C-alpha atoms as a PDB file:
ATOM      1  CA  MET A   1     -15.651  24.658 -38.782  1.00  0.00           C
ATOM      2  CA  LYS A   2     -19.330  23.255 -38.193  1.00  0.00           C
ATOM      3  CA  ALA A   3     -20.194  22.971 -34.921  1.00  0.00           C
ATOM      4  CA  GLU A   4     -20.597  19.180 -35.179  1.00  0.00           C
ATOM      5  CA  GLU A   5     -16.807  18.931 -36.607  1.00  0.00           C
ATOM      6  CA  THR A   6     -15.621  21.096 -33.573  1.00  0.00           C
ATOM      7  CA  GLY A   7     -17.892  19.021 -31.100  1.00  0.00           C
ATOM      8  CA  GLU A   8     -15.985  15.415 -32.709  1.00  0.00           C
ATOM      9  CA  LYS A   9     -12.699  16.913 -32.302  1.00  0.00           C
ATOM     10  CA  THR A  10     -13.110  17.741 -28.781  1.00  0.00           C
ATOM     11  CA  SER A  11     -14.986  14.604 -27.878  1.00  0.00           C
ATOM     12  CA  VAL A  12     -12.032  12.429 -29.034  1.00  0.00           C
ATOM     13  CA  ALA A  13      -9.876  14.854 -26.957  1.00  0.00           C
ATOM     14  CA  SER A  14     -11.821  14.188 -23.826  1.00  0.00           C
ATOM     15  CA  ARG A  15     -11.540  10.343 -24.424  1.00  0.00           C
ATOM     16  CA  PRO A  16      -8.426   9.809 -22.194  1.00  0.00           C
ATOM     17  CA  ARG A  17     -10.224  11.730 -19.211  1.00  0.00           C
ATOM     18  CA  ARG A  18     -13.246   9.793 -19.684  1.00  0.00           C
ATOM     19  CA  ARG A  19     -11.232   6.769 -18.949  1.00  0.00           C
ATOM     20  CA  ARG A  20      -9.408   8.184 -16.255  1.00  0.00           C
ATOM     21  CA  ILE A  21     -12.523   9.051 -14.504  1.00  0.00           C
ATOM     22  CA  ARG A  22     -13.927   5.411 -15.310  1.00  0.00           C
ATOM     23  CA  VAL A  23     -10.744   3.704 -13.787  1.00  0.00           C
ATOM     24  CA  ALA A  24     -10.818   6.034 -10.662  1.00  0.00           C
ATOM     25  CA  ARG A  25     -14.456   4.872 -10.204  1.00  0.00           C
ATOM     26  CA  THR A  26     -13.764   1.374 -10.696  1.00  0.00           C
ATOM     27  CA  ALA A  27     -10.598   1.736  -8.437  1.00  0.00           C
ATOM     28  CA  THR A  28     -12.459   2.938  -5.652  1.00  0.00           C
ATOM     29  CA  VAL A  29     -15.146   0.079  -5.675  1.00  0.00           C
ATOM     30  CA  LEU A  30     -12.553  -2.516  -6.416  1.00  0.00           C
ATOM     31  CA  GLY A  31     -10.590  -1.233  -3.340  1.00  0.00           C
ATOM     32  CA  VAL A  32     -13.880  -1.582  -1.054  1.00  0.00           C
ATOM     33  CA  LEU A  33     -14.144  -5.136  -2.096  1.00  0.00           C
ATOM     34  CA  ALA A  34     -10.146  -5.525  -1.629  1.00  0.00           C
ATOM     35  CA  VAL A  35     -10.632  -4.172   2.009  1.00  0.00           C
ATOM     36  CA  TYR A  36     -13.726  -6.504   2.748  1.00  0.00           C
ATOM     37  CA  VAL A  37     -11.615  -9.358   1.072  1.00  0.00           C
ATOM     38  CA  VAL A  38      -8.606  -8.874   3.552  1.00  0.00           C
ATOM     39  CA  GLY A  39     -10.839  -8.842   6.360  1.00  0.00           C
ATOM     40  CA  VAL A  40     -12.580 -11.986   5.509  1.00  0.00           C
ATOM     41  CA  VAL A  41      -9.025 -13.734   5.068  1.00  0.00           C
ATOM     42  CA  LEU A  42      -7.263 -12.327   8.330  1.00  0.00           C
ATOM     43  CA  SER A  43     -10.474 -12.531  10.284  1.00  0.00           C
ATOM     44  CA  THR A  44     -10.584  -9.009  11.219  1.00  0.00           C
ATOM     45  CA  GLY A  45     -14.125  -8.276  11.471  1.00  0.00           C
ATOM     46  CA  LEU A  46     -14.164  -5.264   9.301  1.00  0.00           C
ATOM     47  CA  GLY A  47     -17.489  -6.278   7.591  1.00  0.00           C
ATOM     48  CA  SER A  48     -18.891  -5.060   4.407  1.00  0.00           C
ATOM     49  CA  LEU A  49     -20.970  -2.027   3.433  1.00  0.00           C
ATOM     50  CA  SER A  50     -23.933  -3.666   4.777  1.00  0.00           C
ATOM     51  CA  ALA A  51     -22.249  -3.596   8.005  1.00  0.00           C
ATOM     52  CA  PHE A  52     -18.799  -2.538   8.989  1.00  0.00           C
ATOM     53  CA  GLY A  53     -16.358  -1.489  11.555  1.00  0.00           C
ATOM     54  CA  ILE A  54     -13.672  -2.665  13.882  1.00  0.00           C
ATOM     55  CA  GLY A  55     -14.420  -5.022  16.632  1.00  0.00           C
ATOM     56  CA  ASP A  56     -18.162  -4.210  17.615  1.00  0.00           C
ATOM     57  CA  ILE A  57     -20.173  -3.129  13.881  1.00  0.00           C
ATOM     58  CA  ALA A  58     -19.465   0.682  14.131  1.00  0.00           C
ATOM     59  CA  ALA A  59     -21.983   1.489  10.884  1.00  0.00           C
ATOM     60  CA  VAL A  60     -24.492  -0.317   9.126  1.00  0.00           C
ATOM     61  CA  CYS A  61     -26.399   0.169   5.767  1.00  0.00           C
ATOM     62  CA  PRO A  62     -28.882   3.225   6.458  1.00  0.00           C
ATOM     63  CA  VAL A  63     -31.942   1.532   5.254  1.00  0.00           C
ATOM     64  CA  GLY A  64     -30.768  -1.797   7.218  1.00  0.00           C
ATOM     65  CA  ALA A  65     -30.520   0.040  10.285  1.00  0.00           C
ATOM     66  CA  LEU A  66     -34.121   1.456   9.678  1.00  0.00           C
ATOM     67  CA  GLU A  67     -35.301  -2.240   9.144  1.00  0.00           C
ATOM     68  CA  THR A  68     -33.349  -3.154  12.306  1.00  0.00           C
ATOM     69  CA  MET A  69     -35.002  -0.623  14.481  1.00  0.00           C
ATOM     70  CA  ILE A  70     -38.330  -1.078  13.103  1.00  0.00           C
ATOM     71  CA  ALA A  71     -38.066  -5.009  13.096  1.00  0.00           C
ATOM     72  CA  GLY A  72     -37.438  -4.416  16.934  1.00  0.00           C
ATOM     73  CA  ARG A  73     -39.642  -1.640  17.622  1.00  0.00           C
ATOM     74  CA  ILE A  74     -37.010   0.156  19.511  1.00  0.00           C
ATOM     75  CA  VAL A  75     -34.300   3.043  18.563  1.00  0.00           C
ATOM     76  CA  LEU A  76     -30.812   1.847  18.831  1.00  0.00           C
ATOM     77  CA  PRO A  77     -27.514   3.986  19.135  1.00  0.00           C
ATOM     78  CA  LEU A  78     -25.179   2.586  16.588  1.00  0.00           C
ATOM     79  CA  PRO A  79     -27.957   2.279  13.740  1.00  0.00           C
ATOM     80  CA  LEU A  80     -29.216   5.962  14.546  1.00  0.00           C
ATOM     81  CA  ILE A  81     -25.742   6.998  14.143  1.00  0.00           C
ATOM     82  CA  ALA A  82     -25.347   5.309  10.896  1.00  0.00           C
ATOM     83  CA  ILE A  83     -28.334   6.851   9.238  1.00  0.00           C
ATOM     84  CA  VAL A  84     -27.090  10.217  10.531  1.00  0.00           C
ATOM     85  CA  LEU A  85     -23.836   9.744   9.147  1.00  0.00           C
ATOM     86  CA  ALA A  86     -25.553   8.884   5.744  1.00  0.00           C
ATOM     87  CA  VAL A  87     -27.618  11.692   5.687  1.00  0.00           C
ATOM     88  CA  LEU A  88     -24.608  13.986   6.139  1.00  0.00           C
ATOM     89  CA  ALA A  89     -23.082  12.089   3.471  1.00  0.00           C
ATOM     90  CA  ALA A  90     -25.712  12.571   1.234  1.00  0.00           C
ATOM     91  CA  VAL A  91     -26.142  16.421   1.995  1.00  0.00           C
ATOM     92  CA  CYS A  92     -22.252  16.777   1.623  1.00  0.00           C
ATOM     93  CA  PHE A  93     -21.718  14.575  -1.552  1.00  0.00           C
ATOM     94  CA  GLY A  94     -25.321  13.767  -3.122  1.00  0.00           C
ATOM     95  CA  ARG A  95     -25.816  10.235  -4.297  1.00  0.00           C
ATOM     96  CA  ALA A  96     -21.863   9.760  -5.136  1.00  0.00           C
ATOM     97  CA  PHE A  97     -22.043   6.444  -3.194  1.00  0.00           C
ATOM     98  CA  CYS A  98     -23.866   5.004  -6.018  1.00  0.00           C
ATOM     99  CA  SER A  99     -20.818   5.453  -8.677  1.00  0.00           C
ATOM    100  CA  TRP A 100     -17.971   5.226  -6.437  1.00  0.00           C
ATOM    101  CA  VAL A 101     -18.467   2.970  -3.404  1.00  0.00           C
ATOM    102  CA  CYS A 102     -21.822   0.645  -4.299  1.00  0.00           C
ATOM    103  CA  PRO A 103     -20.569  -2.585  -5.976  1.00  0.00           C
ATOM    104  CA  VAL A 104     -23.767  -3.123  -8.084  1.00  0.00           C
ATOM    105  CA  PRO A 105     -23.281  -1.004 -10.975  1.00  0.00           C
ATOM    106  CA  LEU A 106     -19.670  -2.942 -11.468  1.00  0.00           C
ATOM    107  CA  THR A 107     -21.497  -6.134 -10.882  1.00  0.00           C
ATOM    108  CA  ARG A 108     -24.232  -5.374 -13.300  1.00  0.00           C
ATOM    109  CA  LYS A 109     -21.401  -4.859 -16.025  1.00  0.00           C
ATOM    110  CA  LEU A 110     -20.152  -8.276 -15.215  1.00  0.00           C
ATOM    111  CA  VAL A 111     -23.758 -10.115 -15.467  1.00  0.00           C
ATOM    112  CA  THR A 112     -25.199  -8.312 -18.450  1.00  0.00           C
ATOM    113  CA  ASN A 113     -24.034  -8.677 -21.956  1.00  0.00           C
ATOM    114  CA  LYS A 114     -23.824  -5.394 -24.317  1.00  0.00           C
ATOM    115  CA  ARG A 115     -27.318  -5.973 -26.082  1.00  0.00           C
ATOM    116  CA  GLU A 116     -28.729  -5.748 -22.537  1.00  0.00           C
ATOM    117  CA  ARG A 117     -27.121  -2.698 -21.846  1.00  0.00           C
ATOM    118  CA  ASP A 118     -27.913  -1.230 -25.017  1.00  0.00           C
ATOM    119  CA  ALA A 119     -31.583  -1.927 -24.423  1.00  0.00           C
ATOM    120  CA  PHE A 120     -31.493  -0.096 -20.956  1.00  0.00           C
ATOM    121  CA  ALA A 121     -29.609   2.725 -22.829  1.00  0.00           C
ATOM    122  CA  ALA A 122     -32.246   2.813 -25.364  1.00  0.00           C
ATOM    123  CA  ASP A 123     -35.081   3.130 -22.825  1.00  0.00           C
ATOM    124  CA  ARG A 124     -33.342   5.681 -20.815  1.00  0.00           C
ATOM    125  CA  LYS A 125     -32.730   7.841 -23.950  1.00  0.00           C
ATOM    126  CA  LYS A 126     -36.302   7.518 -24.803  1.00  0.00           C
ATOM    127  CA  GLY A 127     -37.515   8.397 -21.363  1.00  0.00           C
ATOM    128  CA  ARG A 128     -39.271   5.171 -20.604  1.00  0.00           C
ATOM    129  CA  LEU A 129     -37.751   4.459 -17.503  1.00  0.00           C
ATOM    130  CA  LEU A 130     -40.742   5.689 -15.595  1.00  0.00           C
ATOM    131  CA  SER A 131     -43.721   7.998 -16.281  1.00  0.00           C
ATOM    132  CA  LYS A 132     -42.523  11.522 -16.133  1.00  0.00           C
ATOM    133  CA  ARG A 133     -44.783  12.345 -13.618  1.00  0.00           C
ATOM    134  CA  GLY A 134     -43.564  12.584  -9.794  1.00  0.00           C
ATOM    135  CA  TRP A 135     -44.163  13.506  -6.210  1.00  0.00           C
ATOM    136  CA  PRO A 136     -43.509  17.417  -6.267  1.00  0.00           C
ATOM    137  CA  GLY A 137     -39.596  18.172  -5.061  1.00  0.00           C
ATOM    138  CA  LEU A 138     -38.696  14.172  -5.008  1.00  0.00           C
ATOM    139  CA  GLY A 139     -38.001  13.605  -8.813  1.00  0.00           C
ATOM    140  CA  ARG A 140     -39.839  11.277 -11.177  1.00  0.00           C
ATOM    141  CA  ASN A 141     -37.320   8.264 -10.483  1.00  0.00           C
ATOM    142  CA  GLY A 142     -37.690   8.972  -6.921  1.00  0.00           C
ATOM    143  CA  THR A 143     -41.135   8.316  -6.708  1.00  0.00           C
ATOM    144  CA  SER A 144     -40.708   4.554  -7.834  1.00  0.00           C
ATOM    145  CA  ALA A 145     -37.673   4.035  -5.505  1.00  0.00           C
ATOM    146  CA  LEU A 146     -39.452   5.600  -2.596  1.00  0.00           C
ATOM    147  CA  GLY A 147     -42.339   3.356  -3.185  1.00  0.00           C
ATOM    148  CA  VAL A 148     -39.786   0.251  -3.152  1.00  0.00           C
ATOM    149  CA  LEU A 149     -38.304   1.695   0.276  1.00  0.00           C
ATOM    150  CA  GLY A 150     -41.663   2.014   1.783  1.00  0.00           C
ATOM    151  CA  VAL A 151     -42.522  -1.511   0.775  1.00  0.00           C
ATOM    152  CA  ALA A 152     -39.166  -2.614   2.390  1.00  0.00           C
ATOM    153  CA  LEU A 153     -40.080  -0.664   5.695  1.00  0.00           C
ATOM    154  CA  ALA A 154     -43.816  -2.020   5.545  1.00  0.00           C
ATOM    155  CA  THR A 155     -42.845  -5.554   5.277  1.00  0.00           C
ATOM    156  CA  THR A 156     -40.072  -5.316   8.052  1.00  0.00           C
ATOM    157  CA  LEU A 157     -42.927  -3.780  10.226  1.00  0.00           C
ATOM    158  CA  VAL A 158     -45.496  -6.777   9.495  1.00  0.00           C
ATOM    159  CA  PHE A 159     -42.822  -9.742   9.664  1.00  0.00           C
ATOM    160  CA  GLY A 160     -40.652  -8.578  12.267  1.00  0.00           C
ATOM    161  CA  PHE A 161     -37.140  -8.916  10.428  1.00  0.00           C
ATOM    162  CA  PRO A 162     -35.296  -6.857   7.835  1.00  0.00           C
ATOM    163  CA  VAL A 163     -36.812  -8.508   4.587  1.00  0.00           C
ATOM    164  CA  PHE A 164     -35.217  -6.158   2.075  1.00  0.00           C
ATOM    165  CA  CYS A 165     -31.752  -7.400   3.481  1.00  0.00           C
ATOM    166  CA  LEU A 166     -32.228 -10.854   2.303  1.00  0.00           C
ATOM    167  CA  VAL A 167     -32.682  -9.647  -1.526  1.00  0.00           C
ATOM    168  CA  CYS A 168     -30.434  -6.433  -1.324  1.00  0.00           C
ATOM    169  CA  PRO A 169     -27.821  -6.735  -4.412  1.00  0.00           C
ATOM    170  CA  ILE A 170     -25.301  -4.771  -2.261  1.00  0.00           C
ATOM    171  CA  GLY A 171     -25.461  -7.535   0.365  1.00  0.00           C
ATOM    172  CA  LEU A 172     -25.934 -10.467  -2.268  1.00  0.00           C
ATOM    173  CA  ALA A 173     -22.495  -9.045  -4.093  1.00  0.00           C
ATOM    174  CA  PHE A 174     -20.721  -9.441  -0.579  1.00  0.00           C
ATOM    175  CA  ALA A 175     -22.184 -12.608   0.114  1.00  0.00           C
ATOM    176  CA  THR A 176     -21.095 -14.258  -2.977  1.00  0.00           C
ATOM    177  CA  LEU A 177     -17.656 -12.822  -2.700  1.00  0.00           C
ATOM    178  CA  PHE A 178     -17.448 -14.108   0.802  1.00  0.00           C
ATOM    179  CA  ALA A 179     -18.712 -17.584  -0.251  1.00  0.00           C
ATOM    180  CA  LEU A 180     -16.029 -17.540  -3.213  1.00  0.00           C
ATOM    181  CA  VAL A 181     -13.276 -16.583  -0.642  1.00  0.00           C
ATOM    182  CA  ARG A 182     -14.489 -19.575   1.586  1.00  0.00           C
ATOM    183  CA  LEU A 183     -14.254 -21.830  -1.603  1.00  0.00           C
ATOM    184  CA  ALA A 184     -10.808 -20.576  -2.445  1.00  0.00           C
ATOM    185  CA  MET A 185      -9.377 -21.011   1.324  1.00  0.00           C
ATOM    186  CA  PHE A 186     -11.052 -24.170   2.321  1.00  0.00           C
ATOM    187  CA  ASN A 187     -12.504 -25.683  -0.641  1.00  0.00           C
ATOM    188  CA  GLU A 188     -15.870 -25.131   0.952  1.00  0.00           C
ATOM    189  CA  LEU A 189     -18.478 -25.390  -1.677  1.00  0.00           C
ATOM    190  CA  VAL A 190     -21.817 -23.891  -0.323  1.00  0.00           C
ATOM    191  CA  VAL A 191     -25.382 -23.344  -2.120  1.00  0.00           C
ATOM    192  CA  ASP A 192     -24.564 -19.636  -1.855  1.00  0.00           C
ATOM    193  CA  LEU A 193     -22.636 -19.587  -4.847  1.00  0.00           C
ATOM    194  CA  VAL A 194     -25.694 -20.750  -6.716  1.00  0.00           C
ATOM    195  CA  VAL A 195     -28.409 -18.858  -4.827  1.00  0.00           C
ATOM    196  CA  PHE A 196     -26.793 -15.371  -4.400  1.00  0.00           C
ATOM    197  CA  PRO A 197     -25.447 -14.807  -7.996  1.00  0.00           C
ATOM    198  CA  ALA A 198     -28.833 -16.059  -9.511  1.00  0.00           C
ATOM    199  CA  LEU A 199     -30.694 -13.477  -7.514  1.00  0.00           C
ATOM    200  CA  ILE A 200     -28.184 -10.915  -8.489  1.00  0.00           C
ATOM    201  CA  VAL A 201     -28.604 -11.779 -11.965  1.00  0.00           C
ATOM    202  CA  PHE A 202     -32.398 -11.564 -11.635  1.00  0.00           C
ATOM    203  CA  GLU A 203     -31.959  -8.181 -10.036  1.00  0.00           C
ATOM    204  CA  LEU A 204     -29.802  -6.595 -12.467  1.00  0.00           C
ATOM    205  CA  VAL A 205     -30.866  -8.075 -15.732  1.00  0.00           C
ATOM    206  CA  VAL A 206     -34.808  -9.095 -15.308  1.00  0.00           C
ATOM    207  CA  LEU A 207     -34.929  -5.619 -13.254  1.00  0.00           C
ATOM    208  CA  ARG A 208     -32.768  -3.926 -15.012  1.00  0.00           C
ATOM    209  CA  LYS A 209     -34.158  -0.314 -14.051  1.00  0.00           C
ATOM    210  CA  TRP A 210     -32.995  -1.376 -10.239  1.00  0.00           C
ATOM    211  CA  CYS A 211     -30.239   1.366  -9.803  1.00  0.00           C
ATOM    212  CA  ALA A 212     -31.821   4.208 -11.634  1.00  0.00           C
ATOM    213  CA  THR A 213     -35.654   3.689 -10.441  1.00  0.00           C
ATOM    214  CA  LEU A 214     -36.019   1.104  -8.041  1.00  0.00           C
ATOM    215  CA  CYS A 215     -33.393   0.881  -5.198  1.00  0.00           C
ATOM    216  CA  PRO A 216     -34.373   1.978  -1.856  1.00  0.00           C
ATOM    217  CA  VAL A 217     -30.481   2.490  -0.624  1.00  0.00           C
ATOM    218  CA  GLY A 218     -30.438   5.037  -3.431  1.00  0.00           C
ATOM    219  CA  ALA A 219     -34.091   6.635  -2.997  1.00  0.00           C
ATOM    220  CA  PHE A 220     -32.961   7.016   0.893  1.00  0.00           C
ATOM    221  CA  LEU A 221     -29.919   8.931  -0.102  1.00  0.00           C
ATOM    222  CA  GLY A 222     -31.503  10.848  -2.903  1.00  0.00           C
ATOM    223  CA  LEU A 223     -34.181  12.150  -0.169  1.00  0.00           C
ATOM    224  CA  PHE A 224     -31.260  14.351   1.319  1.00  0.00           C
ATOM    225  CA  ALA A 225     -29.432  14.484  -2.123  1.00  0.00           C
ATOM    226  CA  ARG A 226     -31.868  17.148  -2.604  1.00  0.00           C
ATOM    227  CA  PHE A 227     -29.981  19.715  -0.011  1.00  0.00           C
ATOM    228  CA  ASN A 228     -26.471  18.869  -1.642  1.00  0.00           C
ATOM    229  CA  ARG A 229     -24.825  21.770  -3.336  1.00  0.00           C
ATOM    230  CA  THR A 230     -21.261  20.497  -3.856  1.00  0.00           C
ATOM    231  CA  LEU A 231     -20.123  18.777  -7.012  1.00  0.00           C
ATOM    232  CA  VAL A 232     -23.218  19.418  -8.642  1.00  0.00           C
ATOM    233  CA  PRO A 233     -23.231  19.265 -12.691  1.00  0.00           C
ATOM    234  CA  THR A 234     -23.516  22.687 -13.886  1.00  0.00           C
ATOM    235  CA  ILE A 235     -23.831  23.768 -17.924  1.00  0.00           C
ATOM    236  CA  ASP A 236     -21.793  26.758 -19.239  1.00  0.00           C
ATOM    237  CA  GLU A 237     -24.533  27.852 -21.444  1.00  0.00           C
ATOM    238  CA  GLU A 238     -22.229  29.752 -23.579  1.00  0.00           C
ATOM    239  CA  LYS A 239     -20.287  26.707 -24.567  1.00  0.00           C
ATOM    240  CA  CYS A 240     -23.261  24.139 -24.614  1.00  0.00           C
ATOM    241  CA  LEU A 241     -24.071  23.536 -28.123  1.00  0.00           C
ATOM    242  CA  ALA A 242     -27.727  23.201 -27.363  1.00  0.00           C
ATOM    243  CA  THR A 243     -28.104  26.413 -25.370  1.00  0.00           C
ATOM    244  CA  ALA A 244     -25.546  28.690 -27.611  1.00  0.00           C
ATOM    245  CA  THR A 245     -25.976  27.223 -31.119  1.00  0.00           C
ATOM    246  CA  GLY A 246     -29.375  25.578 -31.100  1.00  0.00           C
ATOM    247  CA  THR A 247     -27.808  22.434 -32.020  1.00  0.00           C
ATOM    248  CA  ALA A 248     -29.750  19.383 -31.476  1.00  0.00           C
ATOM    249  CA  CYS A 249     -27.153  17.687 -29.097  1.00  0.00           C
ATOM    250  CA  ASP A 250     -28.087  15.109 -26.509  1.00  0.00           C
ATOM    251  CA  ALA A 251     -24.766  13.748 -25.370  1.00  0.00           C
ATOM    252  CA  CYS A 252     -25.045  14.410 -21.813  1.00  0.00           C
ATOM    253  CA  HIS A 253     -28.707  13.169 -21.409  1.00  0.00           C
ATOM    254  CA  ALA A 254     -28.042   9.999 -23.586  1.00  0.00           C
ATOM    255  CA  ALA A 255     -24.889   9.452 -21.274  1.00  0.00           C
ATOM    256  CA  CYS A 256     -26.788   9.723 -17.677  1.00  0.00           C
ATOM    257  CA  SER A 257     -27.766   6.534 -15.988  1.00  0.00           C
ATOM    258  CA  SER A 258     -30.116   8.448 -13.915  1.00  0.00           C
ATOM    259  CA  ASP A 259     -31.696   9.513 -16.972  1.00  0.00           C
ATOM    260  CA  ILE A 260     -31.053  13.220 -16.038  1.00  0.00           C
ATOM    261  CA  ASP A 261     -31.470  15.937 -18.805  1.00  0.00           C
ATOM    262  CA  LEU A 262     -29.388  19.166 -17.572  1.00  0.00           C
ATOM    263  CA  VAL A 263     -30.456  21.237 -20.635  1.00  0.00           C
ATOM    264  CA  ARG A 264     -34.214  20.203 -21.435  1.00  0.00           C
ATOM    265  CA  ASP A 265     -35.273  18.999 -18.409  1.00  0.00           C
ATOM    266  CA  ALA A 266     -36.945  15.970 -20.494  1.00  0.00           C
ATOM    267  CA  GLY A 267     -35.481  12.963 -18.600  1.00  0.00           C
ATOM    268  CA  THR A 268     -37.198  11.192 -15.852  1.00  0.00           C
ATOM    269  CA  GLY A 269     -34.319  12.063 -13.369  1.00  0.00           C
ATOM    270  CA  ALA A 270     -34.130  14.934 -11.116  1.00  0.00           C
ATOM    271  CA  LEU A 271     -30.799  16.684 -10.477  1.00  0.00           C
ATOM    272  CA  HIS A 272     -30.569  15.174  -6.763  1.00  0.00           C
ATOM    273  CA  ASP A 273     -30.538  11.743  -8.825  1.00  0.00           C
ATOM    274  CA  CYS A 274     -26.960  12.450 -10.039  1.00  0.00           C
ATOM    275  CA  THR A 275     -24.426  10.102  -8.735  1.00  0.00           C
ATOM    276  CA  LYS A 276     -21.436  12.260  -9.611  1.00  0.00           C
ATOM    277  CA  CYS A 277     -20.212   9.555 -11.987  1.00  0.00           C
ATOM    278  CA  HIS A 278     -19.095  12.286 -14.603  1.00  0.00           C
ATOM    279  CA  GLU A 279     -20.288  10.387 -17.650  1.00  0.00           C
ATOM    280  CA  CYS A 280     -22.274  13.503 -18.737  1.00  0.00           C
ATOM    281  CA  ALA A 281     -19.169  15.792 -18.735  1.00  0.00           C
ATOM    282  CA  ASP A 282     -17.076  13.382 -20.404  1.00  0.00           C
ATOM    283  CA  HIS A 283     -19.425  12.878 -23.237  1.00  0.00           C
ATOM    284  CA  CYS A 284     -20.110  16.378 -23.533  1.00  0.00           C
ATOM    285  CA  PRO A 285     -18.641  17.493 -26.776  1.00  0.00           C
ATOM    286  CA  ALA A 286     -18.069  20.851 -25.968  1.00  0.00           C
ATOM    287  CA  SER A 287     -16.705  20.160 -22.509  1.00  0.00           C
ATOM    288  CA  ALA A 288     -19.630  22.363 -21.250  1.00  0.00           C
ATOM    289  CA  ILE A 289     -20.087  20.534 -18.038  1.00  0.00           C
ATOM    290  CA  THR A 290     -18.644  20.775 -14.796  1.00  0.00           C
ATOM    291  CA  PHE A 291     -18.525  19.721 -11.073  1.00  0.00           C
ATOM    292  CA  PRO A 292     -17.864  22.698  -9.116  1.00  0.00           C
ATOM    293  CA  TRP A 293     -17.295  22.449  -5.328  1.00  0.00           C
ATOM    294  CA  ARG A 294     -20.013  25.059  -4.608  1.00  0.00           C
ATOM    295  CA  ARG A 295     -23.327  25.088  -6.878  1.00  0.00           C
ATOM    296  CA  PRO A 296     -23.589  28.607  -8.817  1.00  0.00           C
ATOM    297  CA  LYS A 297     -27.167  30.032  -7.391  1.00  0.00           C
ATOM    298  CA  ALA A 298     -27.880  30.742 -11.050  1.00  0.00           C
ATOM    299  CA  SER A 299     -26.946  27.469 -12.616  1.00  0.00           C
ATOM    300  CA  ALA A 300     -29.260  25.607 -15.075  1.00  0.00           C
ATOM    301  CA  VAL A 301     -30.116  22.572 -13.421  1.00  0.00           C
ATOM    302  CA  ALA A 302     -32.494  19.536 -14.128  1.00  0.00           C
ATOM    303  CA  ASP A 303     -34.987  19.630 -10.869  1.00  0.00           C
ATOM    304  CA  GLU A 304     -36.394  23.355 -11.486  1.00  0.00           C
ATOM    305  CA  PRO A 305     -40.066  22.004 -12.126  1.00  0.00           C
ATOM    306  CA  ASP A 306     -40.645  25.380 -14.206  1.00  0.00           C
ATOM    307  CA  ARG A 307     -37.873  25.126 -16.616  1.00  0.00           C
ATOM    308  CA  THR A 308     -38.901  25.998 -20.296  1.00  0.00           C
ATOM    309  CA  PRO A 309     -37.677  23.232 -22.305  1.00  0.00           C
ATOM    310  CA  LEU A 310     -35.509  24.243 -25.576  1.00  0.00           C
ATOM    311  CA  SER A 311     -36.589  23.284 -28.845  1.00  0.00           C
ATOM    312  CA  SER A 312     -34.842  20.682 -30.583  1.00  0.00           C
END
């Protein structure tokens, strides 16, 4: 049987698994949003991903925490603890937050149409998200996002308040949800229901590369995700159609929202940009990609700068 036919049958067989992973990701994000809505309705003070806790704020967004301390020119214990927790989470789970917790990817699906998503996918597949140049060891997507992070922190220092928090799509998503809850509970129609969604649409439609190449929160997590050794996508070269048979298969690269090419290192994303969304594994026609709890030392990875590209 031809490799293409085998791959097609395997791909069809993996569709239920693909749906399960997507449902699980969506469920976790909706669960976070549901907790927030319950907190607003019951006035529990749980907060959102920007600042959450019970009673006093127990944790805040790491970028927001940095901005808060820079704006006040002071080191505060709770923001510092939040930063340490975010660093530990990134080391343990990489950028899993971006796919499994952050509401922005789900929001993007709601505010963009299929043509816009296909255009983004085409840019991603052709390596047009960014130039393939990047700072050594930081990845190529990370170069741009770290620039945005640097601008956010610099403007905070100049103006004396967290500038990025005003336009952060994560905060805007929760602020819009809060306005909707207020409208449903108290028939309170506010300008927030126009301004915040408009900003979200602008950032996620006009700046459609936001999550992959511009998000400063993702850039912050990516700095420490370089040390992540768990649940790292790993290719079985004996199963991979590209490495085992020389087939010009690009399924995993085409499916990756971070433009990571696990086989040829032809994408603009480095391995630490991986958000653990599992799309590469679910789209692999040979089921050659796994996410082991411990990354094998000899695994094929996309962030090795001296990796020799395979011919296609």
